[in-house]
């Protein structure tokens, strides 16, 4: 969705810059989420005994 929003805007506008930043942020989150999920699964398997 951010891609189509960015295409609709002038590449030099502040709004286009914000859309690009949002796109990059969510790409980062998508790349990081699997590691986060794996840490959660490890925590659940350990019975959350560490208290953290």
PDB file of N, CA and C in Angstrom:
ATOM      1  N   UNK A   1       0.824  -1.181   0.000  1.00  0.00           N
ATOM      2  CA  UNK A   1       0.000   0.000   0.000  1.00  0.00           C
ATOM      3  C   UNK A   1       0.874   1.253   0.000  1.00  0.00           C
ATOM      4  N   UNK A   2       1.972   1.239   0.762  1.00  0.00           N
ATOM      5  CA  UNK A   2       2.852   2.404   0.777  1.00  0.00           C
ATOM      6  C   UNK A   2       3.454   2.643  -0.592  1.00  0.00           C
ATOM      7  N   UNK A   3       3.701   1.572  -1.321  1.00  0.00           N
ATOM      8  CA  UNK A   3       4.260   1.718  -2.670  1.00  0.00           C
ATOM      9  C   UNK A   3       3.311   2.528  -3.556  1.00  0.00           C
ATOM     10  N   UNK A   4       2.026   2.192  -3.533  1.00  0.00           N
ATOM     11  CA  UNK A   4       1.081   2.921  -4.387  1.00  0.00           C
ATOM     12  C   UNK A   4       0.903   4.357  -3.904  1.00  0.00           C
ATOM     13  N   UNK A   5       0.952   4.577  -2.602  1.00  0.00           N
ATOM     14  CA  UNK A   5       0.867   5.932  -2.078  1.00  0.00           C
ATOM     15  C   UNK A   5       2.059   6.763  -2.494  1.00  0.00           C
ATOM     16  N   UNK A   6       3.229   6.153  -2.460  1.00  0.00           N
ATOM     17  CA  UNK A   6       4.431   6.876  -2.849  1.00  0.00           C
ATOM     18  C   UNK A   6       4.411   7.205  -4.338  1.00  0.00           C
ATOM     19  N   UNK A   7       3.919   6.298  -5.154  1.00  0.00           N
ATOM     20  CA  UNK A   7       3.847   6.538  -6.589  1.00  0.00           C
ATOM     21  C   UNK A   7       2.888   7.678  -6.924  1.00  0.00           C
ATOM     22  N   UNK A   8       1.883   7.891  -6.095  1.00  0.00           N
ATOM     23  CA  UNK A   8       0.892   8.931  -6.347  1.00  0.00           C
ATOM     24  C   UNK A   8       1.414  10.326  -5.991  1.00  0.00           C
ATOM     25  N   UNK A   9       2.523  10.384  -5.281  1.00  0.00           N
ATOM     26  CA  UNK A   9       3.055  11.664  -4.822  1.00  0.00           C
ATOM     27  C   UNK A   9       4.283  12.073  -5.613  1.00  0.00           C
ATOM     28  N   UNK A  10       4.565  13.354  -5.606  1.00  0.00           N
ATOM     29  CA  UNK A  10       5.806  13.884  -6.177  1.00  0.00           C
ATOM     30  C   UNK A  10       6.971  13.320  -5.364  1.00  0.00           C
ATOM     31  N   UNK A  11       7.972  12.766  -6.047  1.00  0.00           N
ATOM     32  CA  UNK A  11       9.100  12.134  -5.360  1.00  0.00           C
ATOM     33  C   UNK A  11       9.854  13.079  -4.429  1.00  0.00           C
ATOM     34  N   UNK A  12       9.755  14.359  -4.644  1.00  0.00           N
ATOM     35  CA  UNK A  12      10.500  15.342  -3.848  1.00  0.00           C
ATOM     36  C   UNK A  12       9.673  15.928  -2.704  1.00  0.00           C
ATOM     37  N   UNK A  13       8.441  15.503  -2.541  1.00  0.00           N
ATOM     38  CA  UNK A  13       7.588  16.117  -1.522  1.00  0.00           C
ATOM     39  C   UNK A  13       7.862  15.519  -0.140  1.00  0.00           C
ATOM     40  N   UNK A  14       7.605  16.288   0.910  1.00  0.00           N
ATOM     41  CA  UNK A  14       7.743  15.764   2.270  1.00  0.00           C
ATOM     42  C   UNK A  14       6.821  14.560   2.514  1.00  0.00           C
ATOM     43  N   UNK A  15       5.652  14.576   1.906  1.00  0.00           N
ATOM     44  CA  UNK A  15       4.732  13.444   2.075  1.00  0.00           C
ATOM     45  C   UNK A  15       5.327  12.177   1.480  1.00  0.00           C
ATOM     46  N   UNK A  16       5.987  12.272   0.337  1.00  0.00           N
ATOM     47  CA  UNK A  16       6.628  11.101  -0.277  1.00  0.00           C
ATOM     48  C   UNK A  16       7.732  10.575   0.631  1.00  0.00           C
ATOM     49  N   UNK A  17       8.468  11.481   1.275  1.00  0.00           N
ATOM     50  CA  UNK A  17       9.515  11.073   2.209  1.00  0.00           C
ATOM     51  C   UNK A  17       8.926  10.316   3.399  1.00  0.00           C
ATOM     52  N   UNK A  18       7.802  10.799   3.912  1.00  0.00           N
ATOM     53  CA  UNK A  18       7.150  10.127   5.043  1.00  0.00           C
ATOM     54  C   UNK A  18       6.636   8.756   4.647  1.00  0.00           C
ATOM     55  N   UNK A  19       6.048   8.661   3.456  1.00  0.00           N
ATOM     56  CA  UNK A  19       5.556   7.361   2.965  1.00  0.00           C
ATOM     57  C   UNK A  19       6.724   6.383   2.827  1.00  0.00           C
ATOM     58  N   UNK A  20       7.854   6.850   2.297  1.00  0.00           N
ATOM     59  CA  UNK A  20       9.027   5.991   2.139  1.00  0.00           C
ATOM     60  C   UNK A  20       9.535   5.528   3.502  1.00  0.00           C
ATOM     61  N   UNK A  21       9.517   6.421   4.485  1.00  0.00           N
ATOM     62  CA  UNK A  21       9.951   6.050   5.826  1.00  0.00           C
ATOM     63  C   UNK A  21       9.022   5.002   6.438  1.00  0.00           C
ATOM     64  N   UNK A  22       7.731   5.181   6.261  1.00  0.00           N
ATOM     65  CA  UNK A  22       6.763   4.200   6.760  1.00  0.00           C
ATOM     66  C   UNK A  22       6.979   2.850   6.087  1.00  0.00           C
ATOM     67  N   UNK A  23       7.183   2.857   4.767  1.00  0.00           N
ATOM     68  CA  UNK A  23       7.441   1.614   4.034  1.00  0.00           C
ATOM     69  C   UNK A  23       8.677   0.920   4.590  1.00  0.00           C
ATOM     70  N   UNK A  24       9.748   1.678   4.787  1.00  0.00           N
ATOM     71  CA  UNK A  24      10.987   1.102   5.295  1.00  0.00           C
ATOM     72  C   UNK A  24      10.815   0.568   6.710  1.00  0.00           C
ATOM     73  N   UNK A  25      10.077   1.292   7.547  1.00  0.00           N
ATOM     74  CA  UNK A  25       9.828   0.851   8.918  1.00  0.00           C
ATOM     75  C   UNK A  25       9.102  -0.488   8.938  1.00  0.00           C
ATOM     76  N   UNK A  26       8.042  -0.609   8.151  1.00  0.00           N
ATOM     77  CA  UNK A  26       7.292  -1.853   8.162  1.00  0.00           C
ATOM     78  C   UNK A  26       8.060  -2.996   7.510  1.00  0.00           C
ATOM     79  N   UNK A  27       8.935  -2.695   6.557  1.00  0.00           N
ATOM     80  CA  UNK A  27       9.808  -3.729   6.005  1.00  0.00           C
ATOM     81  C   UNK A  27      10.763  -4.228   7.090  1.00  0.00           C
ATOM     82  N   UNK A  28      11.271  -3.324   7.898  1.00  0.00           N
ATOM     83  CA  UNK A  28      12.142  -3.690   9.014  1.00  0.00           C
ATOM     84  C   UNK A  28      11.394  -4.565  10.020  1.00  0.00           C
ATOM     85  N   UNK A  29      10.191  -4.141  10.392  1.00  0.00           N
ATOM     86  CA  UNK A  29       9.388  -4.912  11.349  1.00  0.00           C
ATOM     87  C   UNK A  29       9.110  -6.317  10.809  1.00  0.00           C
ATOM     88  N   UNK A  30       8.752  -6.418   9.540  1.00  0.00           N
ATOM     89  CA  UNK A  30       8.465  -7.723   8.935  1.00  0.00           C
ATOM     90  C   UNK A  30       9.696  -8.621   8.990  1.00  0.00           C
ATOM     91  N   UNK A  31      10.876  -8.046   8.763  1.00  0.00           N
ATOM     92  CA  UNK A  31      12.104  -8.842   8.803  1.00  0.00           C
ATOM     93  C   UNK A  31      12.443  -9.279  10.223  1.00  0.00           C
ATOM     94  N   UNK A  32      12.101  -8.489  11.202  1.00  0.00           N
ATOM     95  CA  UNK A  32      12.446  -8.783  12.592  1.00  0.00           C
ATOM     96  C   UNK A  32      11.433  -9.685  13.296  1.00  0.00           C
ATOM     97  N   UNK A  33      10.229  -9.759  12.810  1.00  0.00           N
ATOM     98  CA  UNK A  33       9.155 -10.431  13.543  1.00  0.00           C
ATOM     99  C   UNK A  33       9.400 -11.932  13.727  1.00  0.00           C
ATOM    100  N   UNK A  34      10.030 -12.581  12.742  1.00  0.00           N
ATOM    101  CA  UNK A  34      10.271 -14.017  12.888  1.00  0.00           C
ATOM    102  C   UNK A  34      11.203 -14.307  14.057  1.00  0.00           C
ATOM    103  N   UNK A  35      12.244 -13.513  14.208  1.00  0.00           N
ATOM    104  CA  UNK A  35      13.139 -13.695  15.353  1.00  0.00           C
ATOM    105  C   UNK A  35      12.425 -13.454  16.671  1.00  0.00           C
ATOM    106  N   UNK A  36      11.573 -12.462  16.700  1.00  0.00           N
ATOM    107  CA  UNK A  36      10.787 -12.176  17.890  1.00  0.00           C
ATOM    108  C   UNK A  36       9.861 -13.350  18.218  1.00  0.00           C
ATOM    109  N   UNK A  37       9.215 -13.885  17.199  1.00  0.00           N
ATOM    110  CA  UNK A  37       8.331 -15.033  17.415  1.00  0.00           C
ATOM    111  C   UNK A  37       9.110 -16.243  17.918  1.00  0.00           C
ATOM    112  N   UNK A  38      10.304 -16.466  17.385  1.00  0.00           N
ATOM    113  CA  UNK A  38      11.116 -17.598  17.839  1.00  0.00           C
ATOM    114  C   UNK A  38      11.519 -17.432  19.297  1.00  0.00           C
ATOM    115  N   UNK A  39      11.898 -16.229  19.688  1.00  0.00           N
ATOM    116  CA  UNK A  39      12.227 -15.991  21.104  1.00  0.00           C
ATOM    117  C   UNK A  39      11.008 -16.229  21.988  1.00  0.00           C
ATOM    118  N   UNK A  40       9.835 -15.850  21.521  1.00  0.00           N
ATOM    119  CA  UNK A  40       8.611 -16.090  22.280  1.00  0.00           C
ATOM    120  C   UNK A  40       8.375 -17.598  22.436  1.00  0.00           C
ATOM    121  N   UNK A  41       8.525 -18.340  21.328  1.00  0.00           N
ATOM    122  CA  UNK A  41       8.323 -19.791  21.407  1.00  0.00           C
ATOM    123  C   UNK A  41       9.309 -20.436  22.370  1.00  0.00           C
ATOM    124  N   UNK A  42      10.554 -19.992  22.379  1.00  0.00           N
ATOM    125  CA  UNK A  42      11.544 -20.525  23.319  1.00  0.00           C
ATOM    126  C   UNK A  42      11.143 -20.213  24.757  1.00  0.00           C
ATOM    127  N   UNK A  43      10.662 -19.031  24.965  1.00  0.00           N
ATOM    128  CA  UNK A  43      10.219 -18.632  26.308  1.00  0.00           C
ATOM    129  C   UNK A  43       9.053 -19.498  26.769  1.00  0.00           C
ATOM    130  N   UNK A  44       8.114 -19.730  25.873  1.00  0.00           N
ATOM    131  CA  UNK A  44       6.957 -20.562  26.218  1.00  0.00           C
ATOM    132  C   UNK A  44       7.375 -22.004  26.503  1.00  0.00           C
ATOM    133  N   UNK A  45       8.305 -22.526  25.703  1.00  0.00           N
ATOM    134  CA  UNK A  45       8.792 -23.902  25.924  1.00  0.00           C
ATOM    135  C   UNK A  45       9.512 -24.027  27.252  1.00  0.00           C
ATOM    136  N   UNK A  46      10.178 -22.957  27.685  1.00  0.00           N
ATOM    137  CA  UNK A  46      10.921 -23.018  28.944  1.00  0.00           C
ATOM    138  C   UNK A  46      10.002 -22.830  30.139  1.00  0.00           C
ATOM    139  N   UNK A  47       8.734 -22.627  29.892  1.00  0.00           N
ATOM    140  CA  UNK A  47       7.783 -22.463  30.997  1.00  0.00           C
ATOM    141  C   UNK A  47       7.865 -21.098  31.656  1.00  0.00           C
ATOM    142  N   UNK A  48       8.457 -20.183  30.959  1.00  0.00           N
ATOM    143  CA  UNK A  48       8.591 -18.813  31.464  1.00  0.00           C
ATOM    144  C   UNK A  48       9.195 -18.784  32.870  1.00  0.00           C
ATOM    145  N   UNK A  49      10.089 -19.755  33.135  1.00  0.00           N
ATOM    146  CA  UNK A  49      10.654 -19.888  34.479  1.00  0.00           C
ATOM    147  C   UNK A  49      11.595 -18.753  34.855  1.00  0.00           C
ATOM    148  N   UNK A  50      12.073 -17.990  33.868  1.00  0.00           N
ATOM    149  CA  UNK A  50      13.031 -16.918  34.184  1.00  0.00           C
ATOM    150  C   UNK A  50      12.357 -15.697  34.799  1.00  0.00           C
ATOM    151  N   UNK A  51      11.054 -15.573  34.666  1.00  0.00           N
ATOM    152  CA  UNK A  51      10.342 -14.450  35.239  1.00  0.00           C
ATOM    153  C   UNK A  51      10.474 -13.165  34.453  1.00  0.00           C
ATOM    154  N   UNK A  52      10.978 -13.245  33.219  1.00  0.00           N
ATOM    155  CA  UNK A  52      11.138 -12.031  32.405  1.00  0.00           C
ATOM    156  C   UNK A  52      10.114 -11.978  31.317  1.00  0.00           C
TER     157      UNK A  52
END
